[in-house]
Structure formats: structure tokens, C-alpha cells
């Protein structure tokens, strides 16, 4: 017979002061708003991004400034060129057939 299996001790997510961390996080997420933004860069290179959180009266609660490096997306550029070339070739084929008389 195998020895009885010991169960892992249950750990509660309590801080040193006895506060339940999971409850605090759940409350924070329940009482907060998340906004996702897509930013379109104007130039290639290092840009400065500033984000401010304001209260309902317009006062700045928190702010952060960070540098962002904008690079050219070669994959996106190649897809655009390829699709443009494909459309142009598809449109030119009937015209060339008429001109060449095929």
C-alpha cells in the first residue's frame, strides 16, 4: 500500500496586514475603466507619447511621458505593394488581350 498523499497547504493571497490581495484586485478591476487606443504615427523615429488621467472635473490625477520608437512596417508595406500589383495586373490582362487580339 502506498503512503497517504499529503495535500499542498492552501495559501491565501493575504498581505502582511491581512488584506486579501485577490479581493483588492477584483475591486480595482470592477471599479476601473480600460481604454484601448490605436495611434497612427506621423513620422518614423523616436516620438514622445504623453498620457494623462483626469478626474471628472478635469484635474490631472496621473500623467506619464514616454519615448516610443516608430519603425517602418516592411511586412505591411510589402502586402500593400503586392495587392496593388495583383489588382493592376488583373485589370490590365483584358486590356492587353484586346490590344494584342488574342
PDB file of N, CA and C in Angstrom:
ATOM      1  N   UNK A   1       0.829  -1.171   0.000  1.00  0.00           N
ATOM      2  CA  UNK A   1       0.000   0.000   0.000  1.00  0.00           C
ATOM      3  C   UNK A   1       0.883   1.247   0.000  1.00  0.00           C
ATOM      4  N   UNK A   2       0.503   2.243  -0.810  1.00  0.00           N
ATOM      5  CA  UNK A   2       1.308   3.461  -0.868  1.00  0.00           C
ATOM      6  C   UNK A   2       0.970   4.362   0.321  1.00  0.00           C
ATOM      7  N   UNK A   3       1.940   5.176   0.717  1.00  0.00           N
ATOM      8  CA  UNK A   3       1.684   6.077   1.858  1.00  0.00           C
ATOM      9  C   UNK A   3       0.630   7.111   1.479  1.00  0.00           C
ATOM     10  N   UNK A   4      -0.106   7.607   2.480  1.00  0.00           N
ATOM     11  CA  UNK A   4      -1.142   8.606   2.177  1.00  0.00           C
ATOM     12  C   UNK A   4      -0.503   9.855   1.577  1.00  0.00           C
ATOM     13  N   UNK A   5      -1.206  10.433   0.637  1.00  0.00           N
ATOM     14  CA  UNK A   5      -0.715  11.617  -0.057  1.00  0.00           C
ATOM     15  C   UNK A   5      -0.947  12.858   0.783  1.00  0.00           C
ATOM     16  N   UNK A   6       0.090  13.656   0.906  1.00  0.00           N
ATOM     17  CA  UNK A   6      -0.071  14.905   1.647  1.00  0.00           C
ATOM     18  C   UNK A   6      -0.607  15.977   0.718  1.00  0.00           C
ATOM     19  N   UNK A   7      -1.564  16.715   1.183  1.00  0.00           N
ATOM     20  CA  UNK A   7      -2.122  17.797   0.378  1.00  0.00           C
ATOM     21  C   UNK A   7      -1.251  19.028   0.526  1.00  0.00           C
ATOM     22  N   UNK A   8      -1.126  19.755  -0.565  1.00  0.00           N
ATOM     23  CA  UNK A   8      -0.358  21.002  -0.525  1.00  0.00           C
ATOM     24  C   UNK A   8      -1.099  21.991   0.354  1.00  0.00           C
ATOM     25  N   UNK A   9      -0.363  22.749   1.146  1.00  0.00           N
ATOM     26  CA  UNK A   9      -1.035  23.720   2.003  1.00  0.00           C
ATOM     27  C   UNK A   9      -1.722  24.788   1.159  1.00  0.00           C
ATOM     28  N   UNK A  10      -2.902  25.164   1.577  1.00  0.00           N
ATOM     29  CA  UNK A  10      -3.640  26.207   0.876  1.00  0.00           C
ATOM     30  C   UNK A  10      -3.043  27.550   1.263  1.00  0.00           C
ATOM     31  N   UNK A  11      -2.726  28.328   0.258  1.00  0.00           N
ATOM     32  CA  UNK A  11      -2.162  29.652   0.520  1.00  0.00           C
ATOM     33  C   UNK A  11      -3.190  30.700   0.149  1.00  0.00           C
ATOM     34  N   UNK A  12      -3.393  31.589   1.049  1.00  0.00           N
ATOM     35  CA  UNK A  12      -4.281  32.707   0.779  1.00  0.00           C
ATOM     36  C   UNK A  12      -3.426  33.879   0.341  1.00  0.00           C
ATOM     37  N   UNK A  13      -3.964  34.673  -0.533  1.00  0.00           N
ATOM     38  CA  UNK A  13      -3.239  35.835  -1.036  1.00  0.00           C
ATOM     39  C   UNK A  13      -3.464  37.012  -0.084  1.00  0.00           C
ATOM     40  N   UNK A  14      -2.858  36.904   1.079  1.00  0.00           N
ATOM     41  CA  UNK A  14      -3.014  37.950   2.082  1.00  0.00           C
ATOM     42  C   UNK A  14      -1.723  38.734   2.204  1.00  0.00           C
ATOM     43  N   UNK A  15      -1.862  40.028   2.361  1.00  0.00           N
ATOM     44  CA  UNK A  15      -0.682  40.846   2.594  1.00  0.00           C
ATOM     45  C   UNK A  15      -0.283  40.730   4.065  1.00  0.00           C
ATOM     46  N   UNK A  16       0.802  41.347   4.424  1.00  0.00           N
ATOM     47  CA  UNK A  16       1.257  41.321   5.815  1.00  0.00           C
ATOM     48  C   UNK A  16       0.226  41.923   6.761  1.00  0.00           C
ATOM     49  N   UNK A  17      -0.584  42.849   6.244  1.00  0.00           N
ATOM     50  CA  UNK A  17      -1.590  43.483   7.097  1.00  0.00           C
ATOM     51  C   UNK A  17      -2.887  42.669   7.164  1.00  0.00           C
ATOM     52  N   UNK A  18      -2.941  41.543   6.431  1.00  0.00           N
ATOM     53  CA  UNK A  18      -4.129  40.700   6.469  1.00  0.00           C
ATOM     54  C   UNK A  18      -5.149  41.016   5.396  1.00  0.00           C
ATOM     55  N   UNK A  19      -4.813  41.897   4.465  1.00  0.00           N
ATOM     56  CA  UNK A  19      -5.731  42.255   3.386  1.00  0.00           C
ATOM     57  C   UNK A  19      -5.687  41.199   2.290  1.00  0.00           C
ATOM     58  N   UNK A  20      -6.844  40.785   1.824  1.00  0.00           N
ATOM     59  CA  UNK A  20      -6.937  39.805   0.745  1.00  0.00           C
ATOM     60  C   UNK A  20      -6.591  40.494  -0.578  1.00  0.00           C
ATOM     61  N   UNK A  21      -5.435  40.177  -1.139  1.00  0.00           N
ATOM     62  CA  UNK A  21      -4.940  40.837  -2.343  1.00  0.00           C
ATOM     63  C   UNK A  21      -5.861  40.551  -3.535  1.00  0.00           C
ATOM     64  N   UNK A  22      -6.340  39.317  -3.659  1.00  0.00           N
ATOM     65  CA  UNK A  22      -7.229  38.968  -4.772  1.00  0.00           C
ATOM     66  C   UNK A  22      -8.503  39.807  -4.734  1.00  0.00           C
ATOM     67  N   UNK A  23      -9.040  40.039  -3.536  1.00  0.00           N
ATOM     68  CA  UNK A  23     -10.241  40.861  -3.401  1.00  0.00           C
ATOM     69  C   UNK A  23      -9.958  42.304  -3.801  1.00  0.00           C
ATOM     70  N   UNK A  24      -8.801  42.819  -3.386  1.00  0.00           N
ATOM     71  CA  UNK A  24      -8.439  44.206  -3.732  1.00  0.00           C
ATOM     72  C   UNK A  24      -8.313  44.343  -5.243  1.00  0.00           C
ATOM     73  N   UNK A  25      -7.647  43.373  -5.914  1.00  0.00           N
ATOM     74  CA  UNK A  25      -7.502  43.430  -7.362  1.00  0.00           C
ATOM     75  C   UNK A  25      -8.854  43.340  -8.058  1.00  0.00           C
ATOM     76  N   UNK A  26      -9.722  42.455  -7.586  1.00  0.00           N
ATOM     77  CA  UNK A  26     -11.050  42.331  -8.184  1.00  0.00           C
ATOM     78  C   UNK A  26     -11.830  43.630  -8.051  1.00  0.00           C
ATOM     79  N   UNK A  27     -11.727  44.264  -6.905  1.00  0.00           N
ATOM     80  CA  UNK A  27     -12.413  45.539  -6.686  1.00  0.00           C
ATOM     81  C   UNK A  27     -11.851  46.614  -7.602  1.00  0.00           C
ATOM     82  N   UNK A  28     -10.522  46.636  -7.765  1.00  0.00           N
ATOM     83  CA  UNK A  28      -9.902  47.621  -8.653  1.00  0.00           C
ATOM     84  C   UNK A  28     -10.393  47.447 -10.084  1.00  0.00           C
ATOM     85  N   UNK A  29     -10.430  46.207 -10.570  1.00  0.00           N
ATOM     86  CA  UNK A  29     -10.859  45.968 -11.938  1.00  0.00           C
ATOM     87  C   UNK A  29     -12.343  46.264 -12.124  1.00  0.00           C
ATOM     88  N   UNK A  30     -13.136  46.003 -11.089  1.00  0.00           N
ATOM     89  CA  UNK A  30     -14.572  46.250 -11.171  1.00  0.00           C
ATOM     90  C   UNK A  30     -14.861  47.753 -11.202  1.00  0.00           C
ATOM     91  N   UNK A  31     -14.051  48.533 -10.519  1.00  0.00           N
ATOM     92  CA  UNK A  31     -14.287  49.966 -10.405  1.00  0.00           C
ATOM     93  C   UNK A  31     -13.400  50.789 -11.331  1.00  0.00           C
ATOM     94  N   UNK A  32     -12.877  50.188 -12.377  1.00  0.00           N
ATOM     95  CA  UNK A  32     -11.998  50.929 -13.269  1.00  0.00           C
ATOM     96  C   UNK A  32     -12.498  50.821 -14.705  1.00  0.00           C
ATOM     97  N   UNK A  33     -11.918  51.631 -15.546  1.00  0.00           N
ATOM     98  CA  UNK A  33     -12.275  51.648 -16.953  1.00  0.00           C
ATOM     99  C   UNK A  33     -10.990  51.441 -17.748  1.00  0.00           C
ATOM    100  N   UNK A  34     -11.065  50.588 -18.752  1.00  0.00           N
ATOM    101  CA  UNK A  34      -9.923  50.338 -19.612  1.00  0.00           C
ATOM    102  C   UNK A  34     -10.224  50.879 -20.999  1.00  0.00           C
ATOM    103  N   UNK A  35      -9.271  51.595 -21.551  1.00  0.00           N
ATOM    104  CA  UNK A  35      -9.426  52.156 -22.888  1.00  0.00           C
ATOM    105  C   UNK A  35      -8.259  51.671 -23.741  1.00  0.00           C
ATOM    106  N   UNK A  36      -8.557  51.119 -24.914  1.00  0.00           N
ATOM    107  CA  UNK A  36      -7.523  50.703 -25.862  1.00  0.00           C
ATOM    108  C   UNK A  36      -7.506  51.712 -26.999  1.00  0.00           C
ATOM    109  N   UNK A  37      -6.340  52.210 -27.299  1.00  0.00           N
ATOM    110  CA  UNK A  37      -6.195  53.184 -28.376  1.00  0.00           C
ATOM    111  C   UNK A  37      -5.250  52.646 -29.437  1.00  0.00           C
ATOM    112  N   UNK A  38      -5.514  52.996 -30.674  1.00  0.00           N
ATOM    113  CA  UNK A  38      -4.579  52.722 -31.745  1.00  0.00           C
ATOM    114  C   UNK A  38      -4.051  54.063 -32.216  1.00  0.00           C
ATOM    115  N   UNK A  39      -2.769  54.233 -32.125  1.00  0.00           N
ATOM    116  CA  UNK A  39      -2.156  55.503 -32.502  1.00  0.00           C
ATOM    117  C   UNK A  39      -1.507  55.364 -33.870  1.00  0.00           C
ATOM    118  N   UNK A  40      -1.740  56.339 -34.726  1.00  0.00           N
ATOM    119  CA  UNK A  40      -1.120  56.354 -36.048  1.00  0.00           C
ATOM    120  C   UNK A  40       0.051  57.336 -36.007  1.00  0.00           C
ATOM    121  N   UNK A  41       1.264  56.840 -36.222  1.00  0.00           N
ATOM    122  CA  UNK A  41       2.422  57.739 -36.167  1.00  0.00           C
ATOM    123  C   UNK A  41       2.458  58.673 -37.372  1.00  0.00           C
ATOM    124  N   UNK A  42       2.999  59.855 -37.161  1.00  0.00           N
ATOM    125  CA  UNK A  42       3.142  60.835 -38.238  1.00  0.00           C
ATOM    126  C   UNK A  42       4.506  60.749 -38.886  1.00  0.00           C
ATOM    127  N   UNK A  43       5.493  60.315 -38.139  1.00  0.00           N
ATOM    128  CA  UNK A  43       6.861  60.261 -38.639  1.00  0.00           C
ATOM    129  C   UNK A  43       7.538  58.997 -38.143  1.00  0.00           C
ATOM    130  N   UNK A  44       8.584  58.586 -38.857  1.00  0.00           N
ATOM    131  CA  UNK A  44       9.426  57.470 -38.440  1.00  0.00           C
ATOM    132  C   UNK A  44      10.472  58.029 -37.478  1.00  0.00           C
ATOM    133  N   UNK A  45      10.805  57.260 -36.442  1.00  0.00           N
ATOM    134  CA  UNK A  45      11.829  57.690 -35.482  1.00  0.00           C
ATOM    135  C   UNK A  45      11.280  57.707 -34.066  1.00  0.00           C
ATOM    136  N   UNK A  46      12.005  58.352 -33.177  1.00  0.00           N
ATOM    137  CA  UNK A  46      11.607  58.411 -31.766  1.00  0.00           C
ATOM    138  C   UNK A  46      10.587  59.534 -31.591  1.00  0.00           C
ATOM    139  N   UNK A  47       9.433  59.177 -31.023  1.00  0.00           N
ATOM    140  CA  UNK A  47       8.359  60.130 -30.754  1.00  0.00           C
ATOM    141  C   UNK A  47       8.086  60.147 -29.254  1.00  0.00           C
ATOM    142  N   UNK A  48       7.491  61.201 -28.769  1.00  0.00           N
ATOM    143  CA  UNK A  48       7.146  61.306 -27.357  1.00  0.00           C
ATOM    144  C   UNK A  48       5.644  61.116 -27.205  1.00  0.00           C
ATOM    145  N   UNK A  49       5.270  60.200 -26.316  1.00  0.00           N
ATOM    146  CA  UNK A  49       3.866  59.917 -26.041  1.00  0.00           C
ATOM    147  C   UNK A  49       3.560  60.375 -24.626  1.00  0.00           C
ATOM    148  N   UNK A  50       2.515  61.180 -24.477  1.00  0.00           N
ATOM    149  CA  UNK A  50       2.098  61.650 -23.160  1.00  0.00           C
ATOM    150  C   UNK A  50       0.684  61.148 -22.882  1.00  0.00           C
ATOM    151  N   UNK A  51       0.496  60.557 -21.707  1.00  0.00           N
ATOM    152  CA  UNK A  51      -0.807  60.037 -21.295  1.00  0.00           C
ATOM    153  C   UNK A  51      -1.160  60.690 -19.967  1.00  0.00           C
ATOM    154  N   UNK A  52      -2.363  61.245 -19.897  1.00  0.00           N
ATOM    155  CA  UNK A  52      -2.828  61.878 -18.663  1.00  0.00           C
ATOM    156  C   UNK A  52      -4.156  61.263 -18.246  1.00  0.00           C
ATOM    157  N   UNK A  53      -4.320  61.023 -16.964  1.00  0.00           N
ATOM    158  CA  UNK A  53      -5.581  60.560 -16.400  1.00  0.00           C
ATOM    159  C   UNK A  53      -6.168  61.740 -15.646  1.00  0.00           C
ATOM    160  N   UNK A  54      -7.394  62.105 -16.006  1.00  0.00           N
ATOM    161  CA  UNK A  54      -8.041  63.261 -15.378  1.00  0.00           C
ATOM    162  C   UNK A  54      -9.286  62.803 -14.635  1.00  0.00           C
ATOM    163  N   UNK A  55      -9.613  63.513 -13.578  1.00  0.00           N
ATOM    164  CA  UNK A  55     -10.845  63.215 -12.857  1.00  0.00           C
ATOM    165  C   UNK A  55     -12.023  63.877 -13.575  1.00  0.00           C
ATOM    166  N   UNK A  56     -13.220  63.733 -13.026  1.00  0.00           N
ATOM    167  CA  UNK A  56     -14.415  64.245 -13.688  1.00  0.00           C
ATOM    168  C   UNK A  56     -14.426  65.772 -13.798  1.00  0.00           C
ATOM    169  N   UNK A  57     -13.609  66.451 -12.992  1.00  0.00           N
ATOM    170  CA  UNK A  57     -13.550  67.911 -13.041  1.00  0.00           C
ATOM    171  C   UNK A  57     -12.426  68.414 -13.944  1.00  0.00           C
ATOM    172  N   UNK A  58     -11.688  67.503 -14.550  1.00  0.00           N
ATOM    173  CA  UNK A  58     -10.637  67.904 -15.476  1.00  0.00           C
ATOM    174  C   UNK A  58      -9.264  68.070 -14.854  1.00  0.00           C
ATOM    175  N   UNK A  59      -9.124  67.758 -13.572  1.00  0.00           N
ATOM    176  CA  UNK A  59      -7.817  67.863 -12.923  1.00  0.00           C
ATOM    177  C   UNK A  59      -6.982  66.620 -13.243  1.00  0.00           C
ATOM    178  N   UNK A  60      -5.708  66.824 -13.511  1.00  0.00           N
ATOM    179  CA  UNK A  60      -4.822  65.708 -13.826  1.00  0.00           C
ATOM    180  C   UNK A  60      -4.547  64.920 -12.552  1.00  0.00           C
ATOM    181  N   UNK A  61      -4.901  63.636 -12.569  1.00  0.00           N
ATOM    182  CA  UNK A  61      -4.684  62.752 -11.441  1.00  0.00           C
ATOM    183  C   UNK A  61      -3.312  62.085 -11.560  1.00  0.00           C
ATOM    184  N   UNK A  62      -3.000  61.648 -12.766  1.00  0.00           N
ATOM    185  CA  UNK A  62      -1.742  60.947 -13.021  1.00  0.00           C
ATOM    186  C   UNK A  62      -1.333  61.249 -14.451  1.00  0.00           C
ATOM    187  N   UNK A  63      -0.050  61.309 -14.677  1.00  0.00           N
ATOM    188  CA  UNK A  63       0.449  61.543 -16.025  1.00  0.00           C
ATOM    189  C   UNK A  63       1.746  60.802 -16.252  1.00  0.00           C
ATOM    190  N   UNK A  64       1.978  60.443 -17.493  1.00  0.00           N
ATOM    191  CA  UNK A  64       3.212  59.746 -17.818  1.00  0.00           C
ATOM    192  C   UNK A  64       3.652  60.162 -19.213  1.00  0.00           C
ATOM    193  N   UNK A  65       4.952  60.388 -19.358  1.00  0.00           N
ATOM    194  CA  UNK A  65       5.543  60.711 -20.643  1.00  0.00           C
ATOM    195  C   UNK A  65       6.549  59.620 -20.969  1.00  0.00           C
ATOM    196  N   UNK A  66       6.472  59.097 -22.188  1.00  0.00           N
ATOM    197  CA  UNK A  66       7.385  58.013 -22.549  1.00  0.00           C
ATOM    198  C   UNK A  66       7.812  58.141 -24.007  1.00  0.00           C
ATOM    199  N   UNK A  67       9.062  57.781 -24.289  1.00  0.00           N
ATOM    200  CA  UNK A  67       9.508  57.782 -25.689  1.00  0.00           C
ATOM    201  C   UNK A  67       9.057  56.492 -26.386  1.00  0.00           C
ATOM    202  N   UNK A  68       8.652  56.629 -27.633  1.00  0.00           N
ATOM    203  CA  UNK A  68       8.212  55.493 -28.431  1.00  0.00           C
ATOM    204  C   UNK A  68       8.992  55.527 -29.740  1.00  0.00           C
ATOM    205  N   UNK A  69       9.591  54.398 -30.107  1.00  0.00           N
ATOM    206  CA  UNK A  69      10.332  54.318 -31.364  1.00  0.00           C
ATOM    207  C   UNK A  69       9.408  53.778 -32.444  1.00  0.00           C
ATOM    208  N   UNK A  70       9.210  54.572 -33.487  1.00  0.00           N
ATOM    209  CA  UNK A  70       8.347  54.192 -34.596  1.00  0.00           C
ATOM    210  C   UNK A  70       9.242  53.698 -35.732  1.00  0.00           C
ATOM    211  N   UNK A  71       8.980  52.462 -36.188  1.00  0.00           N
ATOM    212  CA  UNK A  71       9.757  51.896 -37.280  1.00  0.00           C
ATOM    213  C   UNK A  71       8.831  51.600 -38.454  1.00  0.00           C
ATOM    214  N   UNK A  72       9.395  51.474 -39.609  1.00  0.00           N
ATOM    215  CA  UNK A  72       8.604  51.157 -40.800  1.00  0.00           C
ATOM    216  C   UNK A  72       8.235  49.676 -40.765  1.00  0.00           C
ATOM    217  N   UNK A  73       6.979  49.386 -41.009  1.00  0.00           N
ATOM    218  CA  UNK A  73       6.487  48.017 -41.024  1.00  0.00           C
ATOM    219  C   UNK A  73       6.638  47.470 -42.444  1.00  0.00           C
ATOM    220  N   UNK A  74       7.747  46.795 -42.695  1.00  0.00           N
ATOM    221  CA  UNK A  74       8.064  46.293 -44.031  1.00  0.00           C
ATOM    222  C   UNK A  74       7.028  45.254 -44.491  1.00  0.00           C
ATOM    223  N   UNK A  75       6.576  44.400 -43.590  1.00  0.00           N
ATOM    224  CA  UNK A  75       5.608  43.364 -43.962  1.00  0.00           C
ATOM    225  C   UNK A  75       4.319  43.996 -44.480  1.00  0.00           C
ATOM    226  N   UNK A  76       3.817  45.015 -43.783  1.00  0.00           N
ATOM    227  CA  UNK A  76       2.597  45.697 -44.202  1.00  0.00           C
ATOM    228  C   UNK A  76       2.810  46.375 -45.551  1.00  0.00           C
ATOM    229  N   UNK A  77       3.974  47.014 -45.724  1.00  0.00           N
ATOM    230  CA  UNK A  77       4.286  47.691 -46.969  1.00  0.00           C
ATOM    231  C   UNK A  77       4.331  46.702 -48.135  1.00  0.00           C
ATOM    232  N   UNK A  78       4.948  45.536 -47.935  1.00  0.00           N
ATOM    233  CA  UNK A  78       5.014  44.520 -48.989  1.00  0.00           C
ATOM    234  C   UNK A  78       3.626  43.986 -49.341  1.00  0.00           C
ATOM    235  N   UNK A  79       2.768  43.804 -48.351  1.00  0.00           N
ATOM    236  CA  UNK A  79       1.405  43.334 -48.616  1.00  0.00           C
ATOM    237  C   UNK A  79       0.637  44.351 -49.452  1.00  0.00           C
ATOM    238  N   UNK A  80       0.809  45.632 -49.140  1.00  0.00           N
ATOM    239  CA  UNK A  80       0.129  46.679 -49.912  1.00  0.00           C
ATOM    240  C   UNK A  80       0.620  46.711 -51.345  1.00  0.00           C
ATOM    241  N   UNK A  81       1.938  46.624 -51.536  1.00  0.00           N
ATOM    242  CA  UNK A  81       2.501  46.657 -52.891  1.00  0.00           C
ATOM    243  C   UNK A  81       2.049  45.431 -53.670  1.00  0.00           C
ATOM    244  N   UNK A  82       2.092  44.258 -53.038  1.00  0.00           N
ATOM    245  CA  UNK A  82       1.706  43.010 -53.708  1.00  0.00           C
ATOM    246  C   UNK A  82       0.238  43.033 -54.097  1.00  0.00           C
ATOM    247  N   UNK A  83      -0.631  43.470 -53.189  1.00  0.00           N
ATOM    248  CA  UNK A  83      -2.055  43.502 -53.516  1.00  0.00           C
ATOM    249  C   UNK A  83      -2.336  44.534 -54.601  1.00  0.00           C
ATOM    250  N   UNK A  84      -1.656  45.662 -54.558  1.00  0.00           N
ATOM    251  CA  UNK A  84      -1.823  46.680 -55.603  1.00  0.00           C
ATOM    252  C   UNK A  84      -1.372  46.171 -56.951  1.00  0.00           C
ATOM    253  N   UNK A  85      -0.246  45.474 -56.977  1.00  0.00           N
ATOM    254  CA  UNK A  85       0.262  44.895 -58.223  1.00  0.00           C
ATOM    255  C   UNK A  85      -0.696  43.839 -58.747  1.00  0.00           C
ATOM    256  N   UNK A  86      -1.258  43.027 -57.870  1.00  0.00           N
ATOM    257  CA  UNK A  86      -2.202  41.986 -58.266  1.00  0.00           C
ATOM    258  C   UNK A  86      -3.453  42.592 -58.903  1.00  0.00           C
ATOM    259  N   UNK A  87      -3.977  43.634 -58.297  1.00  0.00           N
ATOM    260  CA  UNK A  87      -5.175  44.297 -58.840  1.00  0.00           C
ATOM    261  C   UNK A  87      -4.862  44.914 -60.189  1.00  0.00           C
ATOM    262  N   UNK A  88      -3.719  45.575 -60.306  1.00  0.00           N
ATOM    263  CA  UNK A  88      -3.328  46.211 -61.555  1.00  0.00           C
ATOM    264  C   UNK A  88      -3.138  45.175 -62.661  1.00  0.00           C
ATOM    265  N   UNK A  89      -2.492  44.071 -62.340  1.00  0.00           N
ATOM    266  CA  UNK A  89      -2.281  43.003 -63.323  1.00  0.00           C
ATOM    267  C   UNK A  89      -3.612  42.411 -63.769  1.00  0.00           C
ATOM    268  N   UNK A  90      -4.517  42.187 -62.823  1.00  0.00           N
ATOM    269  CA  UNK A  90      -5.840  41.650 -63.160  1.00  0.00           C
ATOM    270  C   UNK A  90      -6.624  42.590 -64.056  1.00  0.00           C
ATOM    271  N   UNK A  91      -6.479  43.886 -63.841  1.00  0.00           N
ATOM    272  CA  UNK A  91      -7.191  44.857 -64.671  1.00  0.00           C
ATOM    273  C   UNK A  91      -6.543  45.002 -66.045  1.00  0.00           C
ATOM    274  N   UNK A  92      -5.245  44.836 -66.134  1.00  0.00           N
ATOM    275  CA  UNK A  92      -4.529  45.021 -67.398  1.00  0.00           C
ATOM    276  C   UNK A  92      -4.677  43.821 -68.341  1.00  0.00           C
ATOM    277  N   UNK A  93      -4.934  42.629 -67.810  1.00  0.00           N
ATOM    278  CA  UNK A  93      -4.993  41.429 -68.655  1.00  0.00           C
ATOM    279  C   UNK A  93      -6.055  41.533 -69.741  1.00  0.00           C
ATOM    280  N   UNK A  94      -7.286  41.896 -69.449  1.00  0.00           N
ATOM    281  CA  UNK A  94      -8.291  42.018 -70.537  1.00  0.00           C
ATOM    282  C   UNK A  94      -7.916  43.100 -71.541  1.00  0.00           C
ATOM    283  N   UNK A  95      -7.346  44.204 -71.063  1.00  0.00           N
ATOM    284  CA  UNK A  95      -6.962  45.292 -71.969  1.00  0.00           C
ATOM    285  C   UNK A  95      -5.867  44.831 -72.919  1.00  0.00           C
ATOM    286  N   UNK A  96      -4.867  44.089 -72.408  1.00  0.00           N
ATOM    287  CA  UNK A  96      -3.807  43.590 -73.264  1.00  0.00           C
ATOM    288  C   UNK A  96      -4.340  42.560 -74.251  1.00  0.00           C
ATOM    289  N   UNK A  97      -5.285  41.738 -73.857  1.00  0.00           N
ATOM    290  CA  UNK A  97      -5.880  40.750 -74.755  1.00  0.00           C
ATOM    291  C   UNK A  97      -6.602  41.443 -75.917  1.00  0.00           C
ATOM    292  N   UNK A  98      -7.259  42.563 -75.633  1.00  0.00           N
ATOM    293  CA  UNK A  98      -7.959  43.299 -76.692  1.00  0.00           C
ATOM    294  C   UNK A  98      -6.951  43.945 -77.642  1.00  0.00           C
ATOM    295  N   UNK A  99      -5.894  44.527 -77.072  1.00  0.00           N
ATOM    296  CA  UNK A  99      -4.897  45.220 -77.901  1.00  0.00           C
ATOM    297  C   UNK A  99      -4.140  44.234 -78.775  1.00  0.00           C
ATOM    298  N   UNK A 100      -3.735  43.115 -78.204  1.00  0.00           N
ATOM    299  CA  UNK A 100      -2.950  42.131 -78.938  1.00  0.00           C
ATOM    300  C   UNK A 100      -3.826  41.233 -79.807  1.00  0.00           C
ATOM    301  N   UNK A 101      -5.109  41.267 -79.583  1.00  0.00           N
ATOM    302  CA  UNK A 101      -6.029  40.483 -80.395  1.00  0.00           C
ATOM    303  C   UNK A 101      -6.008  39.009 -80.121  1.00  0.00           C
ATOM    304  N   UNK A 102      -5.719  38.646 -78.918  1.00  0.00           N
ATOM    305  CA  UNK A 102      -5.636  37.209 -78.601  1.00  0.00           C
ATOM    306  C   UNK A 102      -6.983  36.640 -78.281  1.00  0.00           C
TER     307      UNK A 102
END
